[in-house]
Every structure is written in structure tokens, then in C-alpha cells.
Amino acid sequence: MLLIGLTKLSGDTMKMPVLIEWEDICSWSGWNEELIDSDEDQPCQFTTVGFIIKDTDTKLTISDTYPEIGAVVTFPKGCIKRITQLKRG
């Protein structure tokens, strides 16, 4: 199940593991004109897996464990490219 463009997720979805594809800024130190010339100056792409514990209009918070809360990551919604609901084995 692919979840894109949702502002709020249902309670059932929040109990299932999700894969979040997101992007963030990248920076390079030094003289890097060749990165710009070769169009390599792109945002960094990341993938994170977890359980949604909070979903607002502006941010999404996940935990690496459920039902107890473990390590927590909060994403600004603008960084999220795709959320895919995973199936439990």
C-alpha cells in the first residue's frame, strides 16, 4: 500500500510498519564547481523503517519499536517523498 499526500493516517496504519523514503540537504566542503557543472548537486536520498506514532499536518513521527516507544525520528512532511505500508511476516 502506497501512502502519498495524506495529511493524517488512520489508527490501523499507525500500528503497521512503514518504509519512509525522504530527502535532505547535502553539503560539500571546499571548491566544488564540478559538482554543479555535472548536475551532481542533488539532495541526499534516505530510507527509514518504523511505526508511525504521531501524524500532523506538518510532521510525521515514527518509533523503531511498537507498542512501546523506542528511538524516535520526526520528519518535516516536506522532506517525505513516499510512505509504503509494510506487511508483517
C-alpha atoms as a PDB file:
ATOM      1  CA  MET A   1       0.000   0.000   0.000  1.00  0.00           C
ATOM      2  CA  LEU A   2       1.467   3.325  -1.053  1.00  0.00           C
ATOM      3  CA  LEU A   3       0.529   6.347   1.031  1.00  0.00           C
ATOM      4  CA  ILE A   4       1.253   9.657  -0.635  1.00  0.00           C
ATOM      5  CA  GLY A   5      -0.165  13.088   0.044  1.00  0.00           C
ATOM      6  CA  LEU A   6      -2.050  12.107   3.189  1.00  0.00           C
ATOM      7  CA  THR A   7      -2.225  14.678   5.945  1.00  0.00           C
ATOM      8  CA  LYS A   8      -3.493  12.212   8.559  1.00  0.00           C
ATOM      9  CA  LEU A   9      -3.136   8.452   8.700  1.00  0.00           C
ATOM     10  CA  SER A  10      -5.695   6.107  10.226  1.00  0.00           C
ATOM     11  CA  GLY A  11      -5.179   4.343  13.552  1.00  0.00           C
ATOM     12  CA  ASP A  12      -4.758   0.983  11.804  1.00  0.00           C
ATOM     13  CA  THR A  13      -1.954   2.331   9.619  1.00  0.00           C
ATOM     14  CA  MET A  14      -0.206   3.719  12.666  1.00  0.00           C
ATOM     15  CA  LYS A  15       0.149   0.175  14.060  1.00  0.00           C
ATOM     16  CA  MET A  16       1.783  -1.219  10.927  1.00  0.00           C
ATOM     17  CA  PRO A  17       5.460  -0.852   9.996  1.00  0.00           C
ATOM     18  CA  VAL A  18       6.124   1.662   7.225  1.00  0.00           C
ATOM     19  CA  LEU A  19       9.023   2.427   4.922  1.00  0.00           C
ATOM     20  CA  ILE A  20       9.612   6.166   4.535  1.00  0.00           C
ATOM     21  CA  GLU A  21      11.564   7.496   1.573  1.00  0.00           C
ATOM     22  CA  TRP A  22      12.782  11.019   2.228  1.00  0.00           C
ATOM     23  CA  GLU A  23      15.349  13.566   1.184  1.00  0.00           C
ATOM     24  CA  ASP A  24      17.517  16.073   2.998  1.00  0.00           C
ATOM     25  CA  ILE A  25      20.091  18.724   2.282  1.00  0.00           C
ATOM     26  CA  CYS A  26      23.618  17.748   1.293  1.00  0.00           C
ATOM     27  CA  SER A  27      26.688  19.905   1.591  1.00  0.00           C
ATOM     28  CA  TRP A  28      30.219  19.608   0.313  1.00  0.00           C
ATOM     29  CA  SER A  29      33.196  21.477   1.702  1.00  0.00           C
ATOM     30  CA  GLY A  30      35.883  23.012  -0.454  1.00  0.00           C
ATOM     31  CA  TRP A  31      35.710  24.063  -4.093  1.00  0.00           C
ATOM     32  CA  ASN A  32      33.055  22.006  -5.854  1.00  0.00           C
ATOM     33  CA  GLU A  33      32.157  23.744  -9.083  1.00  0.00           C
ATOM     34  CA  GLU A  34      32.433  20.390 -10.896  1.00  0.00           C
ATOM     35  CA  LEU A  35      29.503  19.045  -8.820  1.00  0.00           C
ATOM     36  CA  ILE A  36      27.290  21.826 -10.125  1.00  0.00           C
ATOM     37  CA  ASP A  37      28.572  21.536 -13.695  1.00  0.00           C
ATOM     38  CA  SER A  38      27.896  17.774 -13.736  1.00  0.00           C
ATOM     39  CA  ASP A  39      24.476  18.163 -12.006  1.00  0.00           C
ATOM     40  CA  GLU A  40      25.620  16.102  -9.004  1.00  0.00           C
ATOM     41  CA  ASP A  41      24.458  18.780  -6.558  1.00  0.00           C
ATOM     42  CA  GLN A  42      21.327  16.843  -5.606  1.00  0.00           C
ATOM     43  CA  PRO A  43      19.564  16.375  -2.261  1.00  0.00           C
ATOM     44  CA  CYS A  44      20.558  13.212  -0.369  1.00  0.00           C
ATOM     45  CA  GLN A  45      18.060  10.326  -0.545  1.00  0.00           C
ATOM     46  CA  PHE A  46      17.284   8.194   2.509  1.00  0.00           C
ATOM     47  CA  THR A  47      15.032   5.304   3.557  1.00  0.00           C
ATOM     48  CA  THR A  48      13.846   4.719   7.123  1.00  0.00           C
ATOM     49  CA  VAL A  49      11.597   1.993   8.583  1.00  0.00           C
ATOM     50  CA  GLY A  50       9.447   2.408  11.695  1.00  0.00           C
ATOM     51  CA  PHE A  51       5.996   2.659  13.251  1.00  0.00           C
ATOM     52  CA  ILE A  52       4.037   5.890  12.945  1.00  0.00           C
ATOM     53  CA  ILE A  53       3.298   7.259  16.402  1.00  0.00           C
ATOM     54  CA  LYS A  54       2.201  10.804  15.508  1.00  0.00           C
ATOM     55  CA  ASP A  55       0.959  12.367  12.279  1.00  0.00           C
ATOM     56  CA  THR A  56       0.129  16.079  11.969  1.00  0.00           C
ATOM     57  CA  ASP A  57      -0.314  18.440   9.028  1.00  0.00           C
ATOM     58  CA  THR A  58       3.363  19.444   9.193  1.00  0.00           C
ATOM     59  CA  LYS A  59       5.298  16.496  10.640  1.00  0.00           C
ATOM     60  CA  LEU A  60       5.393  12.709  10.949  1.00  0.00           C
ATOM     61  CA  THR A  61       6.959  10.964  13.946  1.00  0.00           C
ATOM     62  CA  ILE A  62       7.964   7.302  13.975  1.00  0.00           C
ATOM     63  CA  SER A  63       9.395   4.878  16.514  1.00  0.00           C
ATOM     64  CA  ASP A  64      11.637   1.912  15.795  1.00  0.00           C
ATOM     65  CA  THR A  65       9.506  -0.236  18.136  1.00  0.00           C
ATOM     66  CA  TYR A  66       5.779  -0.779  18.828  1.00  0.00           C
ATOM     67  CA  PRO A  67       3.749  -0.810  21.052  1.00  0.00           C
ATOM     68  CA  GLU A  68       6.441   0.585  23.371  1.00  0.00           C
ATOM     69  CA  ILE A  69       8.172   3.729  22.129  1.00  0.00           C
ATOM     70  CA  GLY A  70      11.854   3.292  21.296  1.00  0.00           C
ATOM     71  CA  ALA A  71      14.143   5.504  19.232  1.00  0.00           C
ATOM     72  CA  VAL A  72      12.082   8.332  17.712  1.00  0.00           C
ATOM     73  CA  VAL A  73      12.536  10.259  14.454  1.00  0.00           C
ATOM     74  CA  THR A  74      10.417  13.253  13.394  1.00  0.00           C
ATOM     75  CA  PHE A  75      10.256  14.202   9.704  1.00  0.00           C
ATOM     76  CA  PRO A  76       9.024  17.507   8.320  1.00  0.00           C
ATOM     77  CA  LYS A  77       6.298  16.492   5.836  1.00  0.00           C
ATOM     78  CA  GLY A  78       8.069  18.430   3.069  1.00  0.00           C
ATOM     79  CA  CYS A  79      11.038  16.020   3.223  1.00  0.00           C
ATOM     80  CA  ILE A  80       8.924  12.875   2.757  1.00  0.00           C
ATOM     81  CA  LYS A  81       8.741  11.600  -0.822  1.00  0.00           C
ATOM     82  CA  ARG A  82       6.822   8.343  -0.248  1.00  0.00           C
ATOM     83  CA  ILE A  83       5.418   6.189   2.560  1.00  0.00           C
ATOM     84  CA  THR A  84       4.884   2.495   1.895  1.00  0.00           C
ATOM     85  CA  GLN A  85       2.978   0.346   4.368  1.00  0.00           C
ATOM     86  CA  LEU A  86       4.848  -2.904   5.044  1.00  0.00           C
ATOM     87  CA  LYS A  87       3.251  -6.253   5.801  1.00  0.00           C
ATOM     88  CA  ARG A  88       4.095  -8.176   8.922  1.00  0.00           C
ATOM     89  CA  GLY A  89       5.610 -11.569   8.218  1.00  0.00           C
END
